[in-house]
C-alpha cells in the first residue's frame, strides 16, 4: 500500500485525482500507476487499469494469477471488472468509496457468486491516510474554485 500511496501523491503533483495503485507479484512491486484521466482526457484511465496493463507487460503474461493489486481507493465497477478479467489473486484497498465503490460499498462485483474468478479482498488498509489524501485534494479544489469566483462581478 505504501507504493500505491506514493503513486497517489505523484498524481496530486500533476493535477490528477490522487488514486494510486501497485501490483505485487513474486514478492516484488512490479508496477505502479496513478489516475491519468486528466492528462489523457479519458475518464477510463484509472490507476487500476493502467497498473494491471503495466504489470502484465512487465511479467510477460495476460493473467495476474497470484498477484496482489493494492489501490488507495475502493475500485469502481470498471476497475473491479478488470481485476476479475485479469485474474488478480488479491485486491487490497485503502479508503472506501460510498459513491462508486464496487467491492462492498455500492455493490460487490469482486465477490459475486456467478463469476468464474473471485479475488481475495482485504479492505481498509491504511484507510485513514488514503482517505485524507483524497479529502485534502478535493478541499483544495473547492478552495481554488471559491477563490476564482471572488474577484468576479456579475454584469447584467
N, C-alpha and C. Protein backbone atom coordinates (compact mmCIF):
# COMPACT_ATOMS: atom_id res chain seq x y z
N UNK A 1 0.83 -1.20 0.00
CA UNK A 1 0.00 0.00 0.00
C UNK A 1 0.87 1.25 0.00
N UNK A 2 2.05 1.14 0.56
CA UNK A 2 2.94 2.30 0.58
C UNK A 2 3.30 2.73 -0.85
N UNK A 3 3.56 1.77 -1.72
CA UNK A 3 3.87 2.10 -3.11
C UNK A 3 2.66 2.74 -3.80
N UNK A 4 1.47 2.27 -3.49
CA UNK A 4 0.26 2.85 -4.07
C UNK A 4 0.06 4.28 -3.57
N UNK A 5 0.32 4.51 -2.29
CA UNK A 5 0.20 5.86 -1.74
C UNK A 5 1.22 6.81 -2.37
N UNK A 6 2.42 6.33 -2.61
CA UNK A 6 3.43 7.16 -3.27
C UNK A 6 2.95 7.54 -4.67
N UNK A 7 2.36 6.59 -5.38
CA UNK A 7 1.83 6.88 -6.71
C UNK A 7 0.69 7.90 -6.62
N UNK A 8 -0.16 7.77 -5.61
CA UNK A 8 -1.26 8.73 -5.43
C UNK A 8 -0.72 10.13 -5.17
N UNK A 9 0.34 10.23 -4.41
CA UNK A 9 0.94 11.54 -4.15
C UNK A 9 1.52 12.15 -5.42
N UNK A 10 2.07 11.31 -6.29
CA UNK A 10 2.57 11.80 -7.58
C UNK A 10 1.42 12.36 -8.41
N UNK A 11 0.25 11.73 -8.29
CA UNK A 11 -0.92 12.21 -9.04
C UNK A 11 -1.26 13.64 -8.66
N UNK A 12 -1.19 13.94 -7.37
CA UNK A 12 -1.50 15.30 -6.91
C UNK A 12 -0.59 16.31 -7.59
N UNK A 13 0.68 15.96 -7.72
CA UNK A 13 1.66 16.91 -8.27
C UNK A 13 1.41 17.23 -9.74
N UNK A 14 0.62 16.39 -10.42
CA UNK A 14 0.31 16.66 -11.83
C UNK A 14 -1.18 16.97 -12.03
N UNK A 15 -1.89 17.25 -10.93
CA UNK A 15 -3.27 17.67 -11.01
C UNK A 15 -4.30 16.58 -11.21
N UNK A 16 -3.90 15.34 -10.99
CA UNK A 16 -4.83 14.22 -11.12
C UNK A 16 -5.43 13.88 -9.76
N UNK A 17 -6.61 13.28 -9.77
CA UNK A 17 -7.21 12.80 -8.53
C UNK A 17 -6.26 11.76 -7.92
N UNK A 18 -5.93 11.92 -6.64
CA UNK A 18 -4.89 11.07 -6.04
C UNK A 18 -5.34 9.66 -5.70
N UNK A 19 -5.44 8.85 -6.74
CA UNK A 19 -5.65 7.42 -6.57
C UNK A 19 -4.42 6.76 -7.15
N UNK A 20 -3.80 5.91 -6.33
CA UNK A 20 -2.60 5.20 -6.78
C UNK A 20 -2.79 3.71 -6.64
N UNK A 21 -2.03 2.98 -7.43
CA UNK A 21 -2.12 1.52 -7.41
C UNK A 21 -0.75 0.90 -7.61
N UNK A 22 -0.59 -0.31 -7.09
CA UNK A 22 0.64 -1.07 -7.26
C UNK A 22 0.27 -2.54 -7.41
N UNK A 23 1.04 -3.25 -8.21
CA UNK A 23 0.88 -4.69 -8.33
C UNK A 23 2.13 -5.34 -7.76
N UNK A 24 1.87 -6.28 -6.86
CA UNK A 24 2.95 -7.05 -6.24
C UNK A 24 2.84 -8.48 -6.77
N UNK A 25 3.95 -8.97 -7.32
CA UNK A 25 4.00 -10.33 -7.83
C UNK A 25 5.38 -10.90 -7.56
N UNK A 26 5.41 -12.15 -7.22
CA UNK A 26 6.69 -12.84 -6.93
C UNK A 26 7.48 -12.10 -5.87
N UNK A 27 6.77 -11.50 -4.91
CA UNK A 27 7.40 -10.85 -3.78
C UNK A 27 7.93 -9.45 -4.03
N UNK A 28 7.64 -8.88 -5.19
CA UNK A 28 8.16 -7.55 -5.54
C UNK A 28 7.07 -6.68 -6.14
N UNK A 29 7.20 -5.38 -5.96
CA UNK A 29 6.34 -4.43 -6.67
C UNK A 29 6.81 -4.43 -8.12
N UNK A 30 5.94 -4.84 -9.02
CA UNK A 30 6.33 -4.91 -10.43
C UNK A 30 5.82 -3.73 -11.25
N UNK A 31 4.83 -3.00 -10.71
CA UNK A 31 4.30 -1.85 -11.43
C UNK A 31 3.55 -0.94 -10.47
N UNK A 32 3.61 0.36 -10.74
CA UNK A 32 2.82 1.34 -10.00
C UNK A 32 2.21 2.30 -11.02
N UNK A 33 1.11 2.91 -10.62
CA UNK A 33 0.45 3.88 -11.51
C UNK A 33 -0.48 4.75 -10.67
N UNK A 34 -0.88 5.86 -11.26
CA UNK A 34 -1.90 6.72 -10.66
C UNK A 34 -2.90 7.08 -11.74
N UNK A 35 -4.02 7.64 -11.32
CA UNK A 35 -5.02 8.08 -12.29
C UNK A 35 -4.39 9.01 -13.32
N UNK A 36 -4.84 8.87 -14.56
CA UNK A 36 -4.36 9.74 -15.63
C UNK A 36 -5.52 10.23 -16.49
N UNK A 37 -6.66 10.42 -15.86
CA UNK A 37 -7.84 10.83 -16.61
C UNK A 37 -7.72 12.23 -17.19
N UNK A 38 -7.06 13.12 -16.48
CA UNK A 38 -6.91 14.50 -16.95
C UNK A 38 -5.89 14.55 -18.08
N UNK A 39 -4.72 13.99 -17.85
CA UNK A 39 -3.65 14.05 -18.85
C UNK A 39 -4.07 13.39 -20.16
N UNK A 40 -4.73 12.25 -20.06
CA UNK A 40 -5.10 11.51 -21.26
C UNK A 40 -6.47 11.91 -21.81
N UNK A 41 -7.18 12.78 -21.07
CA UNK A 41 -8.52 13.19 -21.46
C UNK A 41 -9.40 11.98 -21.74
N UNK A 42 -9.34 11.04 -20.79
CA UNK A 42 -10.04 9.77 -20.93
C UNK A 42 -10.44 9.31 -19.53
N UNK A 43 -11.72 9.35 -19.23
CA UNK A 43 -12.19 9.02 -17.89
C UNK A 43 -12.03 7.56 -17.52
N UNK A 44 -11.63 6.72 -18.46
CA UNK A 44 -11.39 5.31 -18.14
C UNK A 44 -9.97 5.05 -17.65
N UNK A 45 -9.13 6.05 -17.67
CA UNK A 45 -7.72 5.85 -17.32
C UNK A 45 -7.48 5.91 -15.81
N UNK A 46 -8.08 4.95 -15.12
CA UNK A 46 -7.91 4.83 -13.68
C UNK A 46 -6.61 4.09 -13.37
N UNK A 47 -6.11 4.34 -12.18
CA UNK A 47 -4.84 3.74 -11.75
C UNK A 47 -4.83 2.23 -11.88
N UNK A 48 -5.95 1.60 -11.53
CA UNK A 48 -6.00 0.14 -11.57
C UNK A 48 -5.81 -0.40 -12.99
N UNK A 49 -6.48 0.20 -13.96
CA UNK A 49 -6.35 -0.27 -15.34
C UNK A 49 -4.93 -0.10 -15.84
N UNK A 50 -4.36 1.04 -15.55
CA UNK A 50 -3.00 1.33 -16.02
C UNK A 50 -2.01 0.37 -15.39
N UNK A 51 -2.12 0.13 -14.09
CA UNK A 51 -1.16 -0.73 -13.41
C UNK A 51 -1.32 -2.19 -13.80
N UNK A 52 -2.56 -2.62 -14.04
CA UNK A 52 -2.77 -4.00 -14.49
C UNK A 52 -2.11 -4.22 -15.84
N UNK A 53 -2.32 -3.30 -16.77
CA UNK A 53 -1.68 -3.42 -18.10
C UNK A 53 -0.16 -3.44 -17.97
N UNK A 54 0.36 -2.53 -17.17
CA UNK A 54 1.80 -2.44 -16.99
C UNK A 54 2.37 -3.71 -16.36
N UNK A 55 1.72 -4.23 -15.35
CA UNK A 55 2.20 -5.44 -14.69
C UNK A 55 2.20 -6.63 -15.64
N UNK A 56 1.16 -6.76 -16.45
CA UNK A 56 1.11 -7.87 -17.40
C UNK A 56 2.24 -7.75 -18.42
N UNK A 57 2.53 -6.53 -18.83
CA UNK A 57 3.63 -6.31 -19.77
C UNK A 57 4.97 -6.68 -19.13
N UNK A 58 5.20 -6.21 -17.91
CA UNK A 58 6.45 -6.50 -17.20
C UNK A 58 6.62 -8.00 -17.00
N UNK A 59 5.52 -8.67 -16.63
CA UNK A 59 5.59 -10.11 -16.34
C UNK A 59 5.47 -10.97 -17.58
N UNK A 60 5.14 -10.36 -18.72
CA UNK A 60 5.01 -11.12 -19.96
C UNK A 60 3.86 -12.11 -19.93
N UNK A 61 2.73 -11.69 -19.38
CA UNK A 61 1.59 -12.59 -19.24
C UNK A 61 0.30 -11.85 -19.51
N UNK A 62 -0.77 -12.60 -19.67
CA UNK A 62 -2.09 -11.97 -19.83
C UNK A 62 -2.97 -12.21 -18.62
N UNK A 63 -2.40 -12.78 -17.56
CA UNK A 63 -3.13 -13.03 -16.33
C UNK A 63 -2.24 -12.74 -15.14
N UNK A 64 -2.87 -12.27 -14.08
CA UNK A 64 -2.11 -11.92 -12.87
C UNK A 64 -2.43 -12.87 -11.72
N UNK A 65 -2.54 -14.16 -12.04
CA UNK A 65 -2.77 -15.18 -11.01
C UNK A 65 -1.71 -15.04 -9.92
N UNK A 66 -2.14 -15.01 -8.69
CA UNK A 66 -1.21 -14.94 -7.58
C UNK A 66 -0.70 -13.54 -7.26
N UNK A 67 -0.99 -12.57 -8.10
CA UNK A 67 -0.53 -11.20 -7.86
C UNK A 67 -1.52 -10.47 -6.95
N UNK A 68 -1.01 -9.45 -6.29
CA UNK A 68 -1.84 -8.61 -5.44
C UNK A 68 -1.90 -7.21 -6.02
N UNK A 69 -3.11 -6.68 -6.15
CA UNK A 69 -3.31 -5.30 -6.57
C UNK A 69 -3.61 -4.50 -5.31
N UNK A 70 -2.80 -3.50 -5.04
CA UNK A 70 -3.04 -2.57 -3.93
C UNK A 70 -3.47 -1.25 -4.54
N UNK A 71 -4.56 -0.70 -4.02
CA UNK A 71 -5.08 0.56 -4.55
C UNK A 71 -5.59 1.40 -3.39
N UNK A 72 -5.40 2.69 -3.49
CA UNK A 72 -5.72 3.58 -2.37
C UNK A 72 -7.21 3.83 -2.20
N UNK A 73 -8.01 3.55 -3.23
CA UNK A 73 -9.45 3.77 -3.17
C UNK A 73 -10.16 2.52 -3.67
N UNK A 74 -11.25 2.18 -3.03
CA UNK A 74 -12.06 1.03 -3.43
C UNK A 74 -12.35 1.09 -4.94
N UNK A 75 -12.07 0.02 -5.66
CA UNK A 75 -12.29 0.02 -7.11
C UNK A 75 -13.75 0.24 -7.51
N UNK A 76 -13.91 0.95 -8.63
CA UNK A 76 -15.23 1.16 -9.23
C UNK A 76 -15.59 -0.09 -10.03
N UNK A 77 -16.75 -0.07 -10.67
CA UNK A 77 -17.20 -1.23 -11.45
C UNK A 77 -16.23 -1.56 -12.58
N UNK A 78 -15.75 -0.53 -13.28
CA UNK A 78 -14.81 -0.75 -14.38
C UNK A 78 -13.56 -1.46 -13.88
N UNK A 79 -13.00 -0.96 -12.80
CA UNK A 79 -11.74 -1.49 -12.29
C UNK A 79 -11.91 -2.84 -11.61
N UNK A 80 -13.04 -3.03 -10.94
CA UNK A 80 -13.33 -4.34 -10.36
C UNK A 80 -13.46 -5.37 -11.47
N UNK A 81 -14.11 -4.99 -12.56
CA UNK A 81 -14.21 -5.90 -13.70
C UNK A 81 -12.86 -6.25 -14.28
N UNK A 82 -11.97 -5.28 -14.36
CA UNK A 82 -10.61 -5.54 -14.86
C UNK A 82 -9.86 -6.49 -13.93
N UNK A 83 -10.10 -6.37 -12.63
CA UNK A 83 -9.47 -7.29 -11.67
C UNK A 83 -9.93 -8.72 -11.92
N UNK A 84 -11.22 -8.89 -12.16
CA UNK A 84 -11.76 -10.22 -12.43
C UNK A 84 -11.20 -10.76 -13.73
N UNK A 85 -11.25 -9.96 -14.80
CA UNK A 85 -10.82 -10.43 -16.11
C UNK A 85 -9.33 -10.73 -16.18
N UNK A 86 -8.52 -9.98 -15.43
CA UNK A 86 -7.08 -10.22 -15.45
C UNK A 86 -6.67 -11.27 -14.42
N UNK A 87 -7.64 -11.74 -13.66
CA UNK A 87 -7.44 -12.80 -12.66
C UNK A 87 -6.46 -12.44 -11.56
N UNK A 88 -6.53 -11.18 -11.12
CA UNK A 88 -5.73 -10.74 -9.97
C UNK A 88 -6.07 -11.67 -8.81
N UNK A 89 -5.05 -12.12 -8.08
CA UNK A 89 -5.27 -13.04 -6.98
C UNK A 89 -5.87 -12.41 -5.75
N UNK A 90 -5.46 -11.18 -5.49
CA UNK A 90 -5.95 -10.48 -4.29
C UNK A 90 -6.01 -8.99 -4.57
N UNK A 91 -7.05 -8.35 -4.03
CA UNK A 91 -7.20 -6.90 -4.13
C UNK A 91 -7.17 -6.35 -2.71
N UNK A 92 -6.27 -5.41 -2.49
CA UNK A 92 -6.14 -4.73 -1.20
C UNK A 92 -6.43 -3.26 -1.47
N UNK A 93 -7.39 -2.70 -0.74
CA UNK A 93 -7.66 -1.28 -0.96
C UNK A 93 -7.72 -0.52 0.36
N UNK A 94 -7.53 0.80 0.24
CA UNK A 94 -7.50 1.67 1.41
C UNK A 94 -8.86 2.23 1.73
N UNK A 95 -9.16 3.40 1.19
CA UNK A 95 -10.40 4.12 1.51
C UNK A 95 -11.60 3.50 0.79
N UNK A 96 -12.72 3.47 1.49
CA UNK A 96 -13.97 3.04 0.88
C UNK A 96 -14.53 4.19 0.03
N UNK A 97 -15.27 3.83 -1.03
CA UNK A 97 -15.87 4.82 -1.91
C UNK A 97 -17.39 4.63 -1.91
N UNK A 98 -18.07 5.39 -1.08
CA UNK A 98 -19.51 5.27 -0.93
C UNK A 98 -20.32 5.67 -2.15
N UNK A 99 -19.69 6.31 -3.13
CA UNK A 99 -20.41 6.75 -4.33
C UNK A 99 -20.22 5.81 -5.52
N UNK A 100 -19.08 5.13 -5.59
CA UNK A 100 -18.81 4.30 -6.77
C UNK A 100 -18.11 2.98 -6.45
N UNK A 101 -17.82 2.71 -5.21
CA UNK A 101 -17.07 1.51 -4.85
C UNK A 101 -17.85 0.22 -5.09
N UNK A 102 -17.22 -0.69 -5.81
CA UNK A 102 -17.87 -1.96 -6.15
C UNK A 102 -17.20 -3.16 -5.49
N UNK A 103 -16.66 -2.93 -4.30
CA UNK A 103 -16.08 -4.02 -3.52
C UNK A 103 -16.70 -3.98 -2.12
N UNK A 104 -17.97 -3.62 -2.08
CA UNK A 104 -18.70 -3.63 -0.82
C UNK A 104 -19.52 -2.39 -0.54
N UNK A 105 -19.12 -1.24 -1.05
CA UNK A 105 -19.85 0.00 -0.73
C UNK A 105 -21.16 0.12 -1.50
N UNK A 106 -21.09 0.18 -2.81
CA UNK A 106 -22.28 0.31 -3.65
C UNK A 106 -22.76 -1.07 -4.09
N UNK A 107 -21.83 -1.92 -4.37
CA UNK A 107 -22.07 -3.30 -4.79
C UNK A 107 -20.82 -4.10 -4.47
N UNK A 108 -20.82 -5.35 -4.86
CA UNK A 108 -19.64 -6.19 -4.59
C UNK A 108 -19.37 -7.11 -5.77
N UNK A 109 -18.84 -6.53 -6.80
CA UNK A 109 -18.55 -7.27 -8.02
C UNK A 109 -17.49 -8.35 -7.81
N UNK A 110 -16.48 -8.05 -7.00
CA UNK A 110 -15.37 -9.00 -6.85
C UNK A 110 -15.77 -10.30 -6.18
N UNK A 111 -16.82 -10.26 -5.40
CA UNK A 111 -17.24 -11.48 -4.71
C UNK A 111 -18.59 -12.00 -5.19
N UNK A 112 -18.98 -11.60 -6.40
CA UNK A 112 -20.25 -12.05 -6.95
C UNK A 112 -20.19 -13.56 -7.20
N UNK A 113 -21.16 -14.30 -6.72
CA UNK A 113 -21.10 -15.77 -6.80
C UNK A 113 -21.16 -16.35 -8.20
N UNK A 114 -21.64 -15.61 -9.18
CA UNK A 114 -21.73 -16.14 -10.54
C UNK A 114 -20.46 -15.98 -11.36
N UNK A 115 -19.50 -15.24 -10.85
CA UNK A 115 -18.28 -15.02 -11.62
C UNK A 115 -17.36 -16.23 -11.51
N UNK A 116 -16.59 -16.46 -12.56
CA UNK A 116 -15.68 -17.61 -12.57
C UNK A 116 -14.38 -17.34 -11.83
N UNK A 117 -14.12 -16.09 -11.48
CA UNK A 117 -12.91 -15.74 -10.72
C UNK A 117 -13.29 -14.71 -9.67
N UNK A 118 -12.93 -14.98 -8.44
CA UNK A 118 -13.20 -14.06 -7.34
C UNK A 118 -11.92 -13.87 -6.54
N UNK A 119 -11.26 -12.73 -6.71
CA UNK A 119 -10.03 -12.50 -5.95
C UNK A 119 -10.32 -12.35 -4.46
N UNK A 120 -9.33 -12.66 -3.65
CA UNK A 120 -9.42 -12.37 -2.23
C UNK A 120 -9.45 -10.85 -2.08
N UNK A 121 -10.09 -10.37 -1.03
CA UNK A 121 -10.21 -8.93 -0.80
C UNK A 121 -9.78 -8.61 0.63
N UNK A 122 -8.96 -7.58 0.73
CA UNK A 122 -8.58 -7.01 2.03
C UNK A 122 -8.93 -5.53 1.94
N UNK A 123 -9.86 -5.09 2.79
CA UNK A 123 -10.38 -3.72 2.72
C UNK A 123 -9.89 -2.88 3.89
N UNK A 124 -9.76 -1.58 3.64
CA UNK A 124 -9.48 -0.63 4.71
C UNK A 124 -8.03 -0.53 5.15
N UNK A 125 -7.10 -1.00 4.33
CA UNK A 125 -5.67 -0.94 4.68
C UNK A 125 -5.19 0.51 4.53
N UNK A 126 -4.71 1.08 5.62
CA UNK A 126 -4.26 2.47 5.65
C UNK A 126 -5.37 3.41 5.16
N UNK A 127 -6.60 3.06 5.49
CA UNK A 127 -7.77 3.79 5.01
C UNK A 127 -7.74 5.27 5.39
N UNK A 128 -7.31 5.55 6.61
CA UNK A 128 -7.30 6.94 7.05
C UNK A 128 -6.35 7.78 6.21
N UNK A 129 -5.16 7.28 5.99
CA UNK A 129 -4.19 8.03 5.20
C UNK A 129 -4.63 8.17 3.74
N UNK A 130 -5.18 7.09 3.18
CA UNK A 130 -5.67 7.15 1.80
C UNK A 130 -6.82 8.13 1.66
N UNK A 131 -7.76 8.08 2.59
CA UNK A 131 -8.90 8.97 2.57
C UNK A 131 -8.52 10.42 2.77
N UNK A 132 -7.56 10.65 3.66
CA UNK A 132 -7.10 12.01 3.94
C UNK A 132 -6.50 12.65 2.69
N UNK A 133 -5.73 11.90 1.94
CA UNK A 133 -5.13 12.41 0.71
C UNK A 133 -6.21 12.87 -0.27
N UNK A 134 -7.25 12.06 -0.41
CA UNK A 134 -8.36 12.43 -1.30
C UNK A 134 -9.12 13.63 -0.76
N UNK A 135 -9.43 13.63 0.52
CA UNK A 135 -10.17 14.75 1.13
C UNK A 135 -9.43 16.07 0.97
N UNK A 136 -8.14 16.05 1.23
CA UNK A 136 -7.34 17.27 1.11
C UNK A 136 -7.30 17.76 -0.33
N UNK A 137 -7.18 16.83 -1.27
CA UNK A 137 -7.15 17.19 -2.69
C UNK A 137 -8.43 17.90 -3.09
N UNK A 138 -9.58 17.31 -2.74
CA UNK A 138 -10.86 17.91 -3.14
C UNK A 138 -11.15 19.19 -2.37
N UNK A 139 -10.69 19.30 -1.13
CA UNK A 139 -10.86 20.55 -0.39
C UNK A 139 -10.06 21.66 -1.06
N UNK A 140 -8.85 21.34 -1.50
CA UNK A 140 -8.03 22.32 -2.20
C UNK A 140 -8.71 22.76 -3.49
N UNK A 141 -9.30 21.82 -4.22
CA UNK A 141 -10.01 22.17 -5.46
C UNK A 141 -11.19 23.09 -5.17
N UNK A 142 -11.94 22.80 -4.09
CA UNK A 142 -13.07 23.65 -3.72
C UNK A 142 -12.59 25.05 -3.32
N UNK A 143 -11.50 25.10 -2.56
CA UNK A 143 -10.94 26.39 -2.15
C UNK A 143 -10.49 27.20 -3.36
N UNK A 144 -9.84 26.55 -4.31
CA UNK A 144 -9.38 27.24 -5.52
C UNK A 144 -10.57 27.76 -6.32
N UNK A 145 -11.63 26.97 -6.40
CA UNK A 145 -12.81 27.39 -7.14
C UNK A 145 -13.47 28.59 -6.46
N UNK A 146 -13.50 28.58 -5.15
CA UNK A 146 -14.09 29.71 -4.41
C UNK A 146 -13.25 30.97 -4.61
N UNK A 147 -11.94 30.83 -4.59
CA UNK A 147 -11.05 31.99 -4.80
C UNK A 147 -11.23 32.55 -6.20
N UNK A 148 -11.36 31.66 -7.18
CA UNK A 148 -11.54 32.12 -8.56
C UNK A 148 -12.82 32.93 -8.72
N UNK A 149 -13.83 32.60 -7.96
CA UNK A 149 -15.11 33.29 -8.06
C UNK A 149 -15.16 34.58 -7.28
N UNK A 150 -14.18 34.85 -6.41
CA UNK A 150 -14.25 36.01 -5.53
C UNK A 150 -14.10 37.33 -6.26
N UNK A 151 -13.18 37.55 -7.07
CA UNK A 151 -12.96 38.85 -7.66
C UNK A 151 -13.86 39.17 -8.84
N UNK A 152 -14.74 38.24 -9.20
CA UNK A 152 -15.58 38.44 -10.37
C UNK A 152 -16.90 39.07 -9.99
N UNK A 153 -17.37 39.97 -10.84
CA UNK A 153 -18.71 40.54 -10.61
C UNK A 153 -19.60 40.16 -11.77
N UNK A 154 -20.84 40.01 -11.46
CA UNK A 154 -21.80 39.62 -12.48
C UNK A 154 -22.30 40.89 -13.18
N UNK A 155 -22.31 40.85 -14.49
CA UNK A 155 -22.84 42.00 -15.24
C UNK A 155 -24.16 41.61 -15.86
N UNK A 156 -25.05 42.55 -15.88
CA UNK A 156 -26.38 42.29 -16.44
C UNK A 156 -26.61 43.17 -17.63
